């Protein structure tokens, strides 16, 4: 049995070339949410963004020549998602208008790069969220990924609103500490101001 947590990058890419589903699942878990964020910043539609990212992963799985390093894999996924997003915009007859707005401000490439940087910070934030205690993790995800209010979360989980708020504060405090330990707190604070706005 493959120990997912102990796989080196070399072992991961060897397994990918052999079309191993465990390796594919690891790549999917690592990049799916940040790629969805990246895509949604381009096409401004969360659900279309998810469809695009899922389609990119399907094509990646069917691809014969798998990237053999983490950097080349990351580049392949982001470029594929970017191209798919612009294809989608073209189908919706708004690509020209969208690109022209970016070009007029002379920031098209800078905007894409900035979105990639934000997505990569998010990827590491998501990894930190995954280490939180179960209830904290659920509440943080429901709050910041799903955009749900405390009352909605309380009803869905069958707990009080005060419990939701207490667990959210606990989760945010743990996240701030863990991200600081990894040197990511500044990036998270700059790129995700809403995440830590509730704690001093």
Protein backbone atom coordinates (compact mmCIF):
# COMPACT_ATOMS: atom_id res chain seq x y z
CA UNK A 1 0.00 0.00 0.00
CA UNK A 2 1.24 3.50 -0.88
CA UNK A 3 1.83 5.86 2.05
CA UNK A 4 0.53 9.14 0.63
CA UNK A 5 2.08 11.31 3.33
CA UNK A 6 5.60 9.96 2.74
CA UNK A 7 5.76 10.17 -1.05
CA UNK A 8 8.67 12.20 -2.40
CA UNK A 9 8.16 14.36 -5.50
CA UNK A 10 10.21 11.87 -7.52
CA UNK A 11 8.03 8.98 -6.37
CA UNK A 12 4.88 11.02 -7.06
CA UNK A 13 5.84 11.71 -10.67
CA UNK A 14 6.96 8.12 -11.23
CA UNK A 15 3.51 6.99 -10.09
CA UNK A 16 1.83 9.63 -12.27
CA UNK A 17 3.60 8.30 -15.34
CA UNK A 18 2.21 4.86 -14.46
CA UNK A 19 -1.30 6.36 -14.24
CA UNK A 20 -1.57 5.63 -10.54
CA UNK A 21 -4.84 6.98 -9.10
CA UNK A 22 -3.34 7.69 -5.67
CA UNK A 23 -0.81 10.02 -7.27
CA UNK A 24 -3.52 11.69 -9.34
CA UNK A 25 -5.67 12.19 -6.23
CA UNK A 26 -2.74 13.84 -4.45
CA UNK A 27 -2.22 16.28 -7.33
CA UNK A 28 -5.95 16.98 -7.48
CA UNK A 29 -6.15 17.66 -3.72
CA UNK A 30 -3.11 19.94 -3.87
CA UNK A 31 -4.17 22.11 -6.80
CA UNK A 32 -7.96 21.90 -7.28
CA UNK A 33 -9.08 24.69 -4.93
CA UNK A 34 -6.36 27.22 -5.84
CA UNK A 35 -6.97 26.57 -9.55
CA UNK A 36 -10.71 27.16 -9.02
CA UNK A 37 -9.87 30.46 -7.32
CA UNK A 38 -7.54 31.38 -10.19
CA UNK A 39 -10.16 30.51 -12.82
CA UNK A 40 -12.92 32.40 -11.01
CA UNK A 41 -10.78 35.55 -11.01
CA UNK A 42 -10.66 35.40 -14.80
CA UNK A 43 -14.22 34.41 -15.72
CA UNK A 44 -16.03 35.78 -12.65
CA UNK A 45 -18.19 32.68 -12.25
CA UNK A 46 -17.50 30.16 -9.50
CA UNK A 47 -19.37 27.24 -11.03
CA UNK A 48 -17.98 27.71 -14.54
CA UNK A 49 -14.53 27.94 -12.94
CA UNK A 50 -15.04 24.57 -11.22
CA UNK A 51 -16.15 22.98 -14.51
CA UNK A 52 -13.09 24.35 -16.29
CA UNK A 53 -10.67 23.08 -13.64
CA UNK A 54 -12.29 19.64 -13.58
CA UNK A 55 -12.01 19.45 -17.37
CA UNK A 56 -8.32 20.42 -17.18
CA UNK A 57 -7.71 17.60 -14.72
CA UNK A 58 -9.49 15.12 -17.00
CA UNK A 59 -7.26 16.18 -19.90
CA UNK A 60 -4.22 16.02 -17.63
CA UNK A 61 -5.08 12.43 -16.67
CA UNK A 62 -5.49 11.50 -20.35
CA UNK A 63 -2.23 13.21 -21.30
CA UNK A 64 0.53 10.85 -22.47
CA UNK A 65 3.50 13.06 -21.61
CA UNK A 66 3.13 13.89 -17.92
CA UNK A 67 5.23 16.82 -16.57
CA UNK A 68 8.12 15.40 -14.57
CA UNK A 69 8.74 18.15 -11.99
CA UNK A 70 6.51 20.08 -9.60
CA UNK A 71 7.30 23.39 -11.31
CA UNK A 72 6.47 22.06 -14.78
CA UNK A 73 3.27 20.48 -13.45
CA UNK A 74 2.23 23.74 -11.78
CA UNK A 75 2.96 25.67 -14.98
CA UNK A 76 1.02 23.17 -17.10
CA UNK A 77 -2.06 23.35 -14.85
CA UNK A 78 -2.16 27.15 -14.57
CA UNK A 79 -1.54 27.71 -18.29
CA UNK A 80 -4.18 25.11 -19.19
CA UNK A 81 -6.72 26.73 -16.87
CA UNK A 82 -5.91 30.22 -18.16
CA UNK A 83 -6.32 29.12 -21.79
CA UNK A 84 -9.56 27.28 -21.02
CA UNK A 85 -10.91 30.36 -19.27
CA UNK A 86 -10.22 32.58 -22.28
CA UNK A 87 -11.78 29.98 -24.56
CA UNK A 88 -14.86 30.11 -22.36
CA UNK A 89 -14.93 33.90 -22.50
CA UNK A 90 -14.64 33.74 -26.27
CA UNK A 91 -17.62 31.41 -26.44
CA UNK A 92 -19.56 33.91 -24.37
CA UNK A 93 -18.57 36.69 -26.80
CA UNK A 94 -16.92 38.74 -24.08
CA UNK A 95 -13.26 37.76 -24.48
CA UNK A 96 -12.39 40.79 -26.60
CA UNK A 97 -14.02 43.23 -24.20
CA UNK A 98 -12.43 41.54 -21.19
CA UNK A 99 -8.95 41.47 -22.73
CA UNK A 100 -9.25 45.03 -24.03
CA UNK A 101 -9.98 46.27 -20.50
CA UNK A 102 -6.88 44.55 -19.23
CA UNK A 103 -4.73 45.74 -22.12
CA UNK A 104 -5.86 49.33 -21.73
CA UNK A 105 -4.57 49.23 -18.18
CA UNK A 106 -1.39 47.49 -19.41
CA UNK A 107 -1.76 44.84 -16.72
CA UNK A 108 -2.89 41.67 -18.49
CA UNK A 109 0.19 39.57 -17.69
CA UNK A 110 0.65 41.21 -14.29
CA UNK A 111 -2.98 40.42 -13.45
CA UNK A 112 -2.59 36.77 -14.41
CA UNK A 113 0.67 36.51 -12.46
CA UNK A 114 -0.88 38.16 -9.43
CA UNK A 115 -3.81 35.74 -9.56
CA UNK A 116 -1.39 32.81 -9.71
CA UNK A 117 0.51 34.14 -6.69
CA UNK A 118 -2.74 34.54 -4.77
CA UNK A 119 -3.82 31.04 -5.76
CA UNK A 120 -0.51 29.59 -4.57
CA UNK A 121 -0.84 31.37 -1.21
CA UNK A 122 -4.36 30.01 -1.01
CA UNK A 123 -3.08 26.51 -1.72
CA UNK A 124 -0.81 26.73 1.32
CA UNK A 125 -3.59 28.28 3.42
CA UNK A 126 -5.90 25.41 2.44
CA UNK A 127 -3.19 22.95 3.48
CA UNK A 128 -3.02 24.67 6.89
CA UNK A 129 -6.83 24.58 7.18
CA UNK A 130 -6.71 20.82 6.60
CA UNK A 131 -4.63 20.43 9.78
CA UNK A 132 -7.24 22.11 12.03
CA UNK A 133 -9.43 20.13 14.45
CA UNK A 134 -12.48 18.72 12.66
CA UNK A 135 -15.14 21.18 13.84
CA UNK A 136 -12.85 24.20 13.38
CA UNK A 137 -11.98 22.97 9.88
CA UNK A 138 -15.63 22.57 8.88
CA UNK A 139 -16.60 26.01 10.16
CA UNK A 140 -13.62 27.78 8.58
CA UNK A 141 -14.36 26.16 5.22
CA UNK A 142 -18.07 26.91 5.39
CA UNK A 143 -17.34 30.53 6.32
CA UNK A 144 -14.58 31.42 3.89
CA UNK A 145 -14.99 28.93 1.05
CA UNK A 146 -18.79 28.69 0.95
CA UNK A 147 -19.50 32.22 2.23
CA UNK A 148 -22.05 31.04 4.79
CA UNK A 149 -23.19 33.10 7.78
CA UNK A 150 -22.90 31.92 11.38
CA UNK A 151 -26.65 31.27 11.56
CA UNK A 152 -26.59 29.08 8.44
CA UNK A 153 -23.62 27.10 9.74
CA UNK A 154 -25.27 26.64 13.14
CA UNK A 155 -28.45 25.27 11.53
CA UNK A 156 -26.55 22.99 9.19
CA UNK A 157 -24.29 21.54 11.89
CA UNK A 158 -26.91 21.51 14.65
CA UNK A 159 -24.92 23.73 17.02
CA UNK A 160 -25.41 27.17 18.55
CA UNK A 161 -24.33 30.39 16.88
CA UNK A 162 -22.00 31.12 19.81
CA UNK A 163 -20.32 27.74 19.25
CA UNK A 164 -19.84 28.61 15.59
CA UNK A 165 -18.26 31.95 16.48
CA UNK A 166 -16.04 30.42 19.18
CA UNK A 167 -14.83 27.66 16.86
CA UNK A 168 -14.21 30.16 14.08
CA UNK A 169 -12.08 32.33 16.37
CA UNK A 170 -10.20 29.27 17.57
CA UNK A 171 -9.57 28.13 14.01
CA UNK A 172 -8.39 31.55 12.87
CA UNK A 173 -6.02 31.85 15.82
CA UNK A 174 -4.53 28.43 15.06
CA UNK A 175 -4.21 29.31 11.39
CA UNK A 176 -2.46 32.59 12.13
CA UNK A 177 0.07 30.76 14.32
CA UNK A 178 0.68 27.97 11.82
CA UNK A 179 1.02 30.31 8.87
CA UNK A 180 3.42 32.48 10.87
CA UNK A 181 5.52 29.39 11.60
CA UNK A 182 5.76 28.77 7.86
CA UNK A 183 6.45 32.42 7.00
CA UNK A 184 3.15 32.76 5.15
CA UNK A 185 1.23 35.01 7.49
CA UNK A 186 2.23 38.24 5.73
CA UNK A 187 1.18 36.92 2.33
CA UNK A 188 -2.10 35.66 3.72
CA UNK A 189 -2.80 38.95 5.44
CA UNK A 190 -2.05 40.93 2.27
CA UNK A 191 -3.87 38.68 -0.19
CA UNK A 192 -6.71 37.44 2.01
CA UNK A 193 -7.63 40.39 4.24
CA UNK A 194 -11.03 38.93 5.13
CA UNK A 195 -9.50 35.79 6.56
CA UNK A 196 -7.86 37.38 9.59
CA UNK A 197 -9.99 40.51 9.94
CA UNK A 198 -11.73 38.98 12.97
CA UNK A 199 -8.60 38.61 15.10
CA UNK A 200 -6.14 41.14 16.41
